Structures are given as C-alpha cells and as structure tokens.
Amino acid sequence: MRVGTKSLLFGVHQFIWHPLTVLLAWRQLYKRWPTPREAICILIHDFGYWSLPNMDDEEGSRHPEWAYRFVLYRLRWGVNWAMFCLLHSRHYARGFGSEPSLLCWADKLSILFDPPWFYLFRARLSGELAEYRQCAAYAGVVPLSATDSEWLAVVRERFRRIAHSRRGDVVSYVNPSARGKP
C-alpha cells in the first residue's frame, strides 16, 4: 500500500480525524464555524493523496488537484470553490502569484489539535514521518539529529506562528454574497 493511501486511511491525513482537527483550527482562526460548503471542502481537500507513493514530491504536491476537479466538475460549485480547495496548497498559491485560501491556514494550524503522541503514532505507522523529517532537514528547519518529538514541537510552533500571522492576508476565493449558492 502506498504512503498516500496509508495517510488517508490511518496516517496524518486520516479521512475522519484530520478534517475534524481542521474544523477546530478553522473555528479558532476565523471565530466561526465553516459554512456547509467550506466544511465539505475541509473534508475532501486532501483526498488527492490516495494512491500516491510520496507526500511531498512532485506527485504529492499535486494532491489538491483532485479536490479542485471534484468541486468543479462533480459538485459543479464553480471555479471559486474549486480554487478554494486548490489554493489550500501554498505551492499552488505561489504558482498563481496569489495568497493561499482560508483553508490553507486552518489546515496548517490543525496540527495543534492533534495530541503529539497520536500524531507521531500515525505518522510512523503510515511511513510519512521519515519523509516529513527529511524535508524539514533539507529546508534547514529541524536537523535529522533531533528526536521525533523535538521535530514535531518545532513544526507545531512554526505552523502556529505562520497560520496566526497570515490569517489576515488570506483570500477566500469565494464571493461572500454567493456562499452556499450554486
């Protein structure tokens, strides 16, 4: 079984637990619960990891495309909602020369709603932890000599700081007057 599938089934992006933590992060960041459409986007935004061999390689970085296509072509909610899903990725936002969507920062902050032991357990079980640690070391964020717990503490603090500092800069990509309307 590939890492992306394991992530969705029992890893860091587990299809029930991760959306729940994103909902809680959303509530903390934006001082409101998401609308029904925002909640559905929160639920499906990482489904594109299914069957991917890695999380942060070229294929993994394209995981938001699945939710984009699903929202645009299956749900037919329009390009603004599709972009809301696609731009939960900072990679895609940079590519468009844009700010990430509201979903990005709640997604990043969600790591704080995961008990550290539970996050590390799932990340080890799915095989994601080694890749995440390698990426952090390569970026100069946390050396490989750090323990898993030290790595996670640094990542949690970094995501907390980024999410709280950037939440005022985000663009929703959904016309507020059109929320909930087709």
N, C-alpha and C. Protein backbone atom coordinates (compact mmCIF):
# COMPACT_ATOMS: atom_id res chain seq x y z
N MET A 1 0.85 -1.18 0.00
CA MET A 1 0.00 0.00 0.00
C MET A 1 0.89 1.24 0.00
N ARG A 2 0.53 2.22 -0.80
CA ARG A 2 1.33 3.43 -0.94
C ARG A 2 1.13 4.39 0.24
N VAL A 3 2.12 5.23 0.46
CA VAL A 3 2.11 6.14 1.61
C VAL A 3 0.89 7.06 1.59
N GLY A 4 0.54 7.59 0.43
CA GLY A 4 -0.62 8.48 0.36
C GLY A 4 -1.90 7.81 0.80
N THR A 5 -2.09 6.58 0.39
CA THR A 5 -3.27 5.81 0.80
C THR A 5 -3.23 5.54 2.30
N LYS A 6 -2.07 5.15 2.80
CA LYS A 6 -1.93 4.91 4.25
C LYS A 6 -2.20 6.19 5.04
N SER A 7 -1.76 7.33 4.51
CA SER A 7 -2.00 8.60 5.19
C SER A 7 -3.50 8.86 5.35
N LEU A 8 -4.26 8.60 4.30
CA LEU A 8 -5.70 8.84 4.35
C LEU A 8 -6.44 7.81 5.20
N LEU A 9 -5.95 6.59 5.22
CA LEU A 9 -6.64 5.54 5.98
C LEU A 9 -6.32 5.58 7.47
N PHE A 10 -5.04 5.79 7.81
CA PHE A 10 -4.68 5.77 9.24
C PHE A 10 -3.51 6.67 9.60
N GLY A 11 -3.09 7.51 8.69
CA GLY A 11 -1.94 8.37 8.93
C GLY A 11 -2.32 9.80 9.28
N VAL A 12 -1.43 10.71 8.96
CA VAL A 12 -1.57 12.12 9.31
C VAL A 12 -2.82 12.74 8.69
N HIS A 13 -3.21 12.30 7.50
CA HIS A 13 -4.37 12.85 6.82
C HIS A 13 -5.60 11.94 6.91
N GLN A 14 -5.68 11.19 7.98
CA GLN A 14 -6.77 10.23 8.15
C GLN A 14 -8.11 10.91 7.84
N PHE A 15 -8.91 10.28 7.01
CA PHE A 15 -10.07 10.92 6.40
C PHE A 15 -11.17 11.37 7.35
N ILE A 16 -11.16 10.94 8.60
CA ILE A 16 -12.12 11.43 9.60
C ILE A 16 -11.43 12.38 10.57
N TRP A 17 -10.30 11.94 11.12
CA TRP A 17 -9.63 12.70 12.16
C TRP A 17 -9.07 14.03 11.64
N HIS A 18 -8.36 14.02 10.52
CA HIS A 18 -7.75 15.25 10.03
C HIS A 18 -8.79 16.33 9.72
N PRO A 19 -9.88 16.03 9.02
CA PRO A 19 -10.88 17.08 8.81
C PRO A 19 -11.46 17.63 10.12
N LEU A 20 -11.59 16.77 11.12
CA LEU A 20 -12.08 17.24 12.42
C LEU A 20 -11.11 18.25 13.03
N THR A 21 -9.82 17.98 12.96
CA THR A 21 -8.85 18.92 13.52
C THR A 21 -8.80 20.21 12.68
N VAL A 22 -9.02 20.11 11.38
CA VAL A 22 -9.07 21.31 10.54
C VAL A 22 -10.29 22.15 10.91
N LEU A 23 -11.42 21.50 11.19
CA LEU A 23 -12.62 22.24 11.64
C LEU A 23 -12.34 23.02 12.92
N LEU A 24 -11.67 22.36 13.86
CA LEU A 24 -11.35 23.02 15.13
C LEU A 24 -10.38 24.18 14.92
N ALA A 25 -9.42 23.99 14.05
CA ALA A 25 -8.47 25.07 13.74
C ALA A 25 -9.20 26.22 13.05
N TRP A 26 -10.10 25.90 12.14
CA TRP A 26 -10.90 26.91 11.44
C TRP A 26 -11.64 27.77 12.47
N ARG A 27 -12.29 27.11 13.41
CA ARG A 27 -13.05 27.82 14.45
C ARG A 27 -12.14 28.76 15.25
N GLN A 28 -10.96 28.29 15.58
CA GLN A 28 -10.05 29.13 16.35
C GLN A 28 -9.54 30.32 15.52
N LEU A 29 -9.18 30.06 14.29
CA LEU A 29 -8.63 31.12 13.45
C LEU A 29 -9.65 32.17 13.04
N TYR A 30 -10.82 31.73 12.61
CA TYR A 30 -11.79 32.63 11.98
C TYR A 30 -12.97 32.97 12.87
N LYS A 31 -12.98 32.44 14.09
CA LYS A 31 -14.01 32.77 15.09
C LYS A 31 -15.42 32.45 14.62
N ARG A 32 -15.52 31.44 13.79
CA ARG A 32 -16.83 30.97 13.32
C ARG A 32 -16.65 29.55 12.80
N TRP A 33 -17.75 28.83 12.74
CA TRP A 33 -17.71 27.52 12.12
C TRP A 33 -17.78 27.69 10.61
N PRO A 34 -17.24 26.76 9.86
CA PRO A 34 -17.32 26.88 8.40
C PRO A 34 -18.75 26.71 7.91
N THR A 35 -19.02 27.31 6.76
CA THR A 35 -20.30 27.11 6.09
C THR A 35 -20.37 25.65 5.64
N PRO A 36 -21.53 25.17 5.24
CA PRO A 36 -21.59 23.78 4.74
C PRO A 36 -20.64 23.51 3.58
N ARG A 37 -20.53 24.41 2.65
CA ARG A 37 -19.61 24.19 1.52
C ARG A 37 -18.15 24.21 1.98
N GLU A 38 -17.81 25.12 2.86
CA GLU A 38 -16.46 25.15 3.40
C GLU A 38 -16.16 23.83 4.13
N ALA A 39 -17.15 23.33 4.87
CA ALA A 39 -16.96 22.07 5.61
C ALA A 39 -16.74 20.90 4.66
N ILE A 40 -17.44 20.86 3.56
CA ILE A 40 -17.23 19.79 2.58
C ILE A 40 -15.84 19.90 1.97
N CYS A 41 -15.42 21.11 1.69
CA CYS A 41 -14.05 21.30 1.17
C CYS A 41 -13.01 20.87 2.21
N ILE A 42 -13.26 21.15 3.46
CA ILE A 42 -12.37 20.70 4.53
C ILE A 42 -12.31 19.18 4.54
N LEU A 43 -13.44 18.54 4.36
CA LEU A 43 -13.49 17.08 4.36
C LEU A 43 -12.68 16.47 3.21
N ILE A 44 -12.77 17.03 2.03
CA ILE A 44 -12.20 16.38 0.85
C ILE A 44 -10.86 16.93 0.39
N HIS A 45 -10.36 18.01 0.99
CA HIS A 45 -9.22 18.73 0.42
C HIS A 45 -7.96 17.89 0.24
N ASP A 46 -7.78 16.84 1.01
CA ASP A 46 -6.57 16.01 0.90
C ASP A 46 -6.82 14.65 0.26
N PHE A 47 -8.01 14.40 -0.26
CA PHE A 47 -8.30 13.09 -0.86
C PHE A 47 -7.40 12.77 -2.04
N GLY A 48 -6.79 13.77 -2.61
CA GLY A 48 -5.88 13.57 -3.74
C GLY A 48 -4.61 12.81 -3.37
N TYR A 49 -4.36 12.59 -2.10
CA TYR A 49 -3.21 11.79 -1.70
C TYR A 49 -3.40 10.30 -2.00
N TRP A 50 -4.65 9.89 -2.23
CA TRP A 50 -4.95 8.48 -2.46
C TRP A 50 -4.04 7.92 -3.56
N SER A 51 -3.38 6.84 -3.25
CA SER A 51 -2.52 6.06 -4.14
C SER A 51 -1.18 6.73 -4.49
N LEU A 52 -0.87 7.86 -3.90
CA LEU A 52 0.41 8.50 -4.21
C LEU A 52 1.54 7.80 -3.45
N PRO A 53 2.70 7.67 -4.09
CA PRO A 53 3.82 6.98 -3.45
C PRO A 53 4.53 7.81 -2.39
N ASN A 54 4.43 9.13 -2.47
CA ASN A 54 5.08 10.02 -1.51
C ASN A 54 4.17 11.20 -1.24
N MET A 55 4.49 11.94 -0.19
CA MET A 55 3.64 13.05 0.20
C MET A 55 4.12 14.40 -0.34
N ASP A 56 5.42 14.62 -0.36
CA ASP A 56 5.94 15.94 -0.68
C ASP A 56 6.78 15.99 -1.96
N ASP A 57 6.72 14.95 -2.77
CA ASP A 57 7.44 15.01 -4.04
C ASP A 57 6.57 15.72 -5.07
N GLU A 58 6.96 15.63 -6.35
CA GLU A 58 6.20 16.33 -7.39
C GLU A 58 4.75 15.84 -7.45
N GLU A 59 4.56 14.53 -7.37
CA GLU A 59 3.19 14.00 -7.39
C GLU A 59 2.41 14.44 -6.17
N GLY A 60 3.03 14.34 -5.00
CA GLY A 60 2.36 14.71 -3.76
C GLY A 60 1.95 16.17 -3.73
N SER A 61 2.78 17.01 -4.31
CA SER A 61 2.45 18.44 -4.31
C SER A 61 1.23 18.73 -5.19
N ARG A 62 0.84 17.79 -6.04
CA ARG A 62 -0.32 17.98 -6.91
C ARG A 62 -1.61 17.42 -6.30
N HIS A 63 -1.55 16.96 -5.05
CA HIS A 63 -2.74 16.35 -4.44
C HIS A 63 -3.97 17.26 -4.41
N PRO A 64 -3.85 18.60 -4.33
CA PRO A 64 -5.06 19.43 -4.32
C PRO A 64 -5.86 19.40 -5.62
N GLU A 65 -5.26 18.93 -6.68
CA GLU A 65 -5.96 18.89 -7.96
C GLU A 65 -7.20 18.00 -7.92
N TRP A 66 -7.16 16.94 -7.12
CA TRP A 66 -8.32 16.05 -7.03
C TRP A 66 -9.53 16.82 -6.50
N ALA A 67 -9.36 17.54 -5.38
CA ALA A 67 -10.48 18.29 -4.80
C ALA A 67 -10.93 19.40 -5.74
N TYR A 68 -9.98 20.03 -6.41
CA TYR A 68 -10.32 21.06 -7.39
C TYR A 68 -11.28 20.49 -8.45
N ARG A 69 -10.89 19.36 -9.05
CA ARG A 69 -11.71 18.75 -10.09
C ARG A 69 -13.06 18.27 -9.55
N PHE A 70 -13.05 17.69 -8.35
CA PHE A 70 -14.27 17.19 -7.76
C PHE A 70 -15.28 18.32 -7.53
N VAL A 71 -14.81 19.41 -6.95
CA VAL A 71 -15.69 20.55 -6.68
C VAL A 71 -16.17 21.19 -7.98
N LEU A 72 -15.29 21.31 -8.95
CA LEU A 72 -15.64 21.98 -10.20
C LEU A 72 -16.54 21.12 -11.08
N TYR A 73 -16.19 19.84 -11.26
CA TYR A 73 -16.89 19.01 -12.25
C TYR A 73 -17.95 18.08 -11.67
N ARG A 74 -17.77 17.63 -10.43
CA ARG A 74 -18.79 16.74 -9.84
C ARG A 74 -19.83 17.55 -9.07
N LEU A 75 -19.37 18.41 -8.18
CA LEU A 75 -20.31 19.20 -7.39
C LEU A 75 -20.83 20.41 -8.17
N ARG A 76 -20.04 20.84 -9.16
CA ARG A 76 -20.41 21.97 -10.02
C ARG A 76 -20.67 23.25 -9.23
N TRP A 77 -19.77 23.51 -8.28
CA TRP A 77 -19.88 24.71 -7.44
C TRP A 77 -19.19 25.91 -8.06
N GLY A 78 -18.49 25.74 -9.14
CA GLY A 78 -17.82 26.85 -9.80
C GLY A 78 -16.34 26.94 -9.46
N VAL A 79 -15.69 27.79 -10.23
CA VAL A 79 -14.24 27.89 -10.14
C VAL A 79 -13.79 28.50 -8.80
N ASN A 80 -14.57 29.39 -8.21
CA ASN A 80 -14.15 29.98 -6.94
C ASN A 80 -14.03 28.94 -5.84
N TRP A 81 -14.99 28.04 -5.77
CA TRP A 81 -14.92 26.98 -4.76
C TRP A 81 -13.82 25.99 -5.09
N ALA A 82 -13.62 25.71 -6.36
CA ALA A 82 -12.54 24.81 -6.76
C ALA A 82 -11.19 25.42 -6.38
N MET A 83 -11.03 26.72 -6.60
CA MET A 83 -9.79 27.40 -6.21
C MET A 83 -9.62 27.42 -4.70
N PHE A 84 -10.70 27.49 -3.97
CA PHE A 84 -10.64 27.43 -2.52
C PHE A 84 -9.93 26.14 -2.08
N CYS A 85 -10.25 25.04 -2.75
CA CYS A 85 -9.59 23.76 -2.45
C CYS A 85 -8.16 23.74 -2.98
N LEU A 86 -7.99 24.12 -4.22
CA LEU A 86 -6.66 24.07 -4.84
C LEU A 86 -5.65 24.93 -4.08
N LEU A 87 -6.09 26.11 -3.66
CA LEU A 87 -5.17 27.03 -3.02
C LEU A 87 -5.06 26.82 -1.51
N HIS A 88 -5.47 25.64 -1.04
CA HIS A 88 -5.08 25.29 0.33
C HIS A 88 -3.60 24.93 0.33
N SER A 89 -3.05 24.79 -0.84
CA SER A 89 -1.63 24.50 -1.04
C SER A 89 -0.86 25.79 -1.27
N ARG A 90 0.14 26.03 -0.44
CA ARG A 90 0.99 27.20 -0.63
C ARG A 90 1.77 27.08 -1.95
N HIS A 91 2.07 25.85 -2.34
CA HIS A 91 2.76 25.60 -3.61
C HIS A 91 1.93 26.14 -4.79
N TYR A 92 0.65 25.81 -4.81
CA TYR A 92 -0.22 26.30 -5.89
C TYR A 92 -0.42 27.80 -5.80
N ALA A 93 -0.57 28.32 -4.60
CA ALA A 93 -0.75 29.76 -4.45
C ALA A 93 0.45 30.52 -5.01
N ARG A 94 1.66 30.04 -4.70
CA ARG A 94 2.86 30.68 -5.26
C ARG A 94 2.83 30.60 -6.78
N GLY A 95 2.44 29.45 -7.31
CA GLY A 95 2.39 29.28 -8.76
C GLY A 95 1.42 30.23 -9.44
N PHE A 96 0.36 30.60 -8.74
CA PHE A 96 -0.62 31.55 -9.28
C PHE A 96 -0.28 32.99 -8.90
N GLY A 97 0.79 33.18 -8.13
CA GLY A 97 1.14 34.52 -7.66
C GLY A 97 0.07 35.08 -6.75
N SER A 98 -0.49 34.21 -5.91
CA SER A 98 -1.64 34.55 -5.09
C SER A 98 -1.40 34.16 -3.64
N GLU A 99 -2.26 34.66 -2.78
CA GLU A 99 -2.27 34.22 -1.39
C GLU A 99 -3.04 32.90 -1.32
N PRO A 100 -2.68 32.03 -0.39
CA PRO A 100 -3.45 30.80 -0.19
C PRO A 100 -4.87 31.11 0.29
N SER A 101 -5.75 30.14 0.12
CA SER A 101 -7.14 30.30 0.57
C SER A 101 -7.22 30.16 2.08
N LEU A 102 -8.38 30.48 2.63
CA LEU A 102 -8.62 30.33 4.06
C LEU A 102 -8.31 28.92 4.55
N LEU A 103 -8.57 27.95 3.71
CA LEU A 103 -8.36 26.55 4.08
C LEU A 103 -6.90 26.24 4.39
N CYS A 104 -5.99 26.90 3.75
CA CYS A 104 -4.56 26.65 3.97
C CYS A 104 -4.18 26.81 5.43
N TRP A 105 -4.57 27.93 6.02
CA TRP A 105 -4.10 28.24 7.37
C TRP A 105 -4.77 27.37 8.41
N ALA A 106 -6.03 27.04 8.22
CA ALA A 106 -6.68 26.10 9.14
C ALA A 106 -6.05 24.72 9.02
N ASP A 107 -5.69 24.33 7.80
CA ASP A 107 -5.02 23.06 7.57
C ASP A 107 -3.69 23.02 8.31
N LYS A 108 -2.91 24.09 8.21
CA LYS A 108 -1.62 24.13 8.90
C LYS A 108 -1.79 24.13 10.41
N LEU A 109 -2.75 24.92 10.90
CA LEU A 109 -2.96 25.03 12.35
C LEU A 109 -3.54 23.75 12.95
N SER A 110 -4.14 22.91 12.12
CA SER A 110 -4.79 21.69 12.63
C SER A 110 -3.83 20.79 13.40
N ILE A 111 -2.55 20.89 13.14
CA ILE A 111 -1.57 20.06 13.84
C ILE A 111 -1.58 20.32 15.34
N LEU A 112 -2.04 21.50 15.76
CA LEU A 112 -2.11 21.82 17.18
C LEU A 112 -3.27 21.11 17.88
N PHE A 113 -4.22 20.63 17.12
CA PHE A 113 -5.37 19.94 17.69
C PHE A 113 -5.17 18.43 17.70
N ASP A 114 -4.00 18.01 17.32
CA ASP A 114 -3.60 16.62 17.33
C ASP A 114 -2.74 16.39 18.58
N PRO A 115 -3.11 15.50 19.47
CA PRO A 115 -2.18 15.20 20.57
C PRO A 115 -0.85 14.73 19.97
N PRO A 116 0.27 15.27 20.45
CA PRO A 116 1.56 14.91 19.85
C PRO A 116 1.80 13.41 19.73
N TRP A 117 1.48 12.66 20.77
CA TRP A 117 1.71 11.21 20.73
C TRP A 117 0.88 10.56 19.63
N PHE A 118 -0.34 11.06 19.41
CA PHE A 118 -1.24 10.48 18.42
C PHE A 118 -0.77 10.84 17.00
N TYR A 119 -0.33 12.08 16.81
CA TYR A 119 0.21 12.49 15.53
C TYR A 119 1.43 11.64 15.17
N LEU A 120 2.37 11.52 16.09
CA LEU A 120 3.60 10.76 15.82
C LEU A 120 3.29 9.28 15.58
N PHE A 121 2.35 8.73 16.33
CA PHE A 121 1.95 7.34 16.14
C PHE A 121 1.46 7.12 14.70
N ARG A 122 0.56 7.98 14.24
CA ARG A 122 0.00 7.85 12.90
C ARG A 122 1.06 8.11 11.83
N ALA A 123 1.92 9.11 12.06
CA ALA A 123 2.96 9.44 11.08
C ALA A 123 3.97 8.31 10.93
N ARG A 124 4.29 7.64 12.02
CA ARG A 124 5.20 6.49 11.96
C ARG A 124 4.52 5.32 11.28
N LEU A 125 3.28 5.07 11.67
CA LEU A 125 2.53 3.92 11.15
C LEU A 125 2.35 4.00 9.63
N SER A 126 2.12 5.18 9.12
CA SER A 126 1.88 5.35 7.69
C SER A 126 3.18 5.48 6.89
N GLY A 127 4.28 5.74 7.57
CA GLY A 127 5.55 5.94 6.88
C GLY A 127 5.80 7.38 6.45
N GLU A 128 4.94 8.29 6.86
CA GLU A 128 5.08 9.69 6.48
C GLU A 128 6.19 10.40 7.25
N LEU A 129 6.42 9.99 8.46
CA LEU A 129 7.32 10.74 9.34
C LEU A 129 8.71 10.88 8.75
N ALA A 130 9.26 9.82 8.21
CA ALA A 130 10.61 9.88 7.65
C ALA A 130 10.69 10.92 6.53
N GLU A 131 9.69 10.95 5.67
CA GLU A 131 9.69 11.92 4.57
C GLU A 131 9.56 13.34 5.09
N TYR A 132 8.67 13.55 6.05
CA TYR A 132 8.49 14.89 6.61
C TYR A 132 9.77 15.37 7.30
N ARG A 133 10.43 14.46 8.00
CA ARG A 133 11.67 14.82 8.70
C ARG A 133 12.76 15.17 7.69
N GLN A 134 12.85 14.39 6.60
CA GLN A 134 13.84 14.67 5.56
C GLN A 134 13.59 16.05 4.94
N CYS A 135 12.36 16.36 4.64
CA CYS A 135 12.02 17.66 4.04
C CYS A 135 12.37 18.80 4.99
N ALA A 136 12.07 18.64 6.27
CA ALA A 136 12.38 19.68 7.25
C ALA A 136 13.88 19.87 7.40
N ALA A 137 14.62 18.78 7.36
CA ALA A 137 16.08 18.88 7.46
C ALA A 137 16.65 19.55 6.22
N TYR A 138 16.16 19.17 5.06
CA TYR A 138 16.63 19.76 3.81
C TYR A 138 16.37 21.27 3.77
N ALA A 139 15.21 21.68 4.32
CA ALA A 139 14.85 23.10 4.34
C ALA A 139 15.55 23.86 5.47
N GLY A 140 16.30 23.15 6.30
CA GLY A 140 17.00 23.80 7.40
C GLY A 140 16.11 24.15 8.58
N VAL A 141 14.96 23.50 8.67
CA VAL A 141 14.01 23.79 9.74
C VAL A 141 14.34 23.01 11.01
N VAL A 142 14.57 21.71 10.86
CA VAL A 142 14.88 20.85 12.00
C VAL A 142 15.92 19.82 11.55
N PRO A 143 17.06 19.73 12.23
CA PRO A 143 18.06 18.75 11.82
C PRO A 143 17.60 17.32 12.06
N LEU A 144 18.12 16.40 11.26
CA LEU A 144 17.77 14.99 11.43
C LEU A 144 18.21 14.44 12.79
N SER A 145 19.14 15.11 13.43
CA SER A 145 19.61 14.66 14.74
C SER A 145 18.58 14.91 15.84
N ALA A 146 17.58 15.73 15.58
CA ALA A 146 16.52 15.98 16.56
C ALA A 146 15.68 14.73 16.73
N THR A 147 15.08 14.58 17.89
CA THR A 147 14.17 13.45 18.10
C THR A 147 12.86 13.75 17.37
N ASP A 148 12.03 12.73 17.22
CA ASP A 148 10.73 12.92 16.59
C ASP A 148 9.91 13.96 17.35
N SER A 149 9.95 13.89 18.67
CA SER A 149 9.20 14.85 19.50
C SER A 149 9.73 16.26 19.35
N GLU A 150 11.04 16.41 19.26
CA GLU A 150 11.62 17.74 19.06
C GLU A 150 11.22 18.28 17.69
N TRP A 151 11.29 17.41 16.67
CA TRP A 151 10.88 17.81 15.33
C TRP A 151 9.43 18.31 15.35
N LEU A 152 8.56 17.53 15.97
CA LEU A 152 7.14 17.90 15.99
C LEU A 152 6.92 19.21 16.74
N ALA A 153 7.60 19.42 17.84
CA ALA A 153 7.45 20.67 18.59
C ALA A 153 7.83 21.88 17.73
N VAL A 154 8.91 21.76 16.98
CA VAL A 154 9.33 22.86 16.10
C VAL A 154 8.29 23.09 15.00
N VAL A 155 7.83 22.01 14.39
CA VAL A 155 6.86 22.13 13.29
C VAL A 155 5.55 22.72 13.81
N ARG A 156 5.09 22.26 14.95
CA ARG A 156 3.84 22.79 15.52
C ARG A 156 3.96 24.30 15.78
N GLU A 157 5.05 24.71 16.37
CA GLU A 157 5.23 26.13 16.66
C GLU A 157 5.34 26.94 15.36
N ARG A 158 6.04 26.40 14.40
CA ARG A 158 6.19 27.10 13.12
C ARG A 158 4.84 27.26 12.43
N PHE A 159 4.04 26.20 12.38
CA PHE A 159 2.72 26.29 11.75
C PHE A 159 1.79 27.20 12.54
N ARG A 160 1.89 27.18 13.87
CA ARG A 160 1.06 28.08 14.68
C ARG A 160 1.38 29.53 14.34
N ARG A 161 2.65 29.85 14.29
CA ARG A 161 3.10 31.21 14.01
C ARG A 161 2.67 31.64 12.59
N ILE A 162 2.88 30.77 11.62
CA ILE A 162 2.52 31.09 10.23
C ILE A 162 1.02 31.30 10.09
N ALA A 163 0.24 30.39 10.64
CA ALA A 163 -1.22 30.47 10.49
C ALA A 163 -1.76 31.74 11.13
N HIS A 164 -1.32 32.03 12.34
CA HIS A 164 -1.84 33.22 13.02
C HIS A 164 -1.35 34.51 12.39
N SER A 165 -0.16 34.53 11.85
CA SER A 165 0.34 35.76 11.25
C SER A 165 -0.26 36.00 9.87
N ARG A 166 -0.63 34.95 9.17
CA ARG A 166 -1.11 35.08 7.79
C ARG A 166 -2.62 35.14 7.66
N ARG A 167 -3.36 34.81 8.69
CA ARG A 167 -4.81 34.71 8.52
C ARG A 167 -5.46 35.99 8.04
N GLY A 168 -4.87 37.15 8.34
CA GLY A 168 -5.43 38.41 7.87
C GLY A 168 -5.13 38.68 6.40
N ASP A 169 -4.16 37.95 5.83
CA ASP A 169 -3.77 38.17 4.44
C ASP A 169 -4.51 37.25 3.47
N VAL A 170 -5.29 36.32 3.99
CA VAL A 170 -5.85 35.30 3.12
C VAL A 170 -6.98 35.85 2.27
N VAL A 171 -7.20 35.16 1.21
CA VAL A 171 -8.28 35.48 0.29
C VAL A 171 -9.20 34.26 0.28
N SER A 172 -10.48 34.48 0.38
CA SER A 172 -11.39 33.33 0.48
C SER A 172 -11.62 32.65 -0.86
N TYR A 173 -11.50 33.36 -1.97
CA TYR A 173 -11.78 32.86 -3.31
C TYR A 173 -13.23 32.46 -3.49
N VAL A 174 -14.07 32.92 -2.57
CA VAL A 174 -15.49 32.69 -2.70
C VAL A 174 -16.16 34.02 -2.43
N ASN A 175 -16.99 34.47 -3.34
CA ASN A 175 -17.73 35.71 -3.15
C ASN A 175 -18.64 35.54 -1.93
N PRO A 176 -18.47 36.35 -0.87
CA PRO A 176 -19.28 36.17 0.33
C PRO A 176 -20.78 36.20 0.06
N SER A 177 -21.21 36.98 -0.90
CA SER A 177 -22.64 37.03 -1.21
C SER A 177 -23.13 35.77 -1.90
N ALA A 178 -22.18 34.96 -2.41
CA ALA A 178 -22.54 33.74 -3.12
C ALA A 178 -22.38 32.49 -2.27
N ARG A 179 -21.99 32.66 -1.01
CA ARG A 179 -21.77 31.48 -0.16
C ARG A 179 -23.03 30.66 -0.07
N GLY A 180 -22.86 29.39 -0.28
CA GLY A 180 -23.98 28.47 -0.18
C GLY A 180 -24.85 28.43 -1.42
N LYS A 181 -24.62 29.32 -2.37
CA LYS A 181 -25.41 29.33 -3.59
C LYS A 181 -24.64 28.63 -4.69
N PRO A 182 -25.35 28.00 -5.63
CA PRO A 182 -24.65 27.33 -6.74
C PRO A 182 -23.96 28.31 -7.66
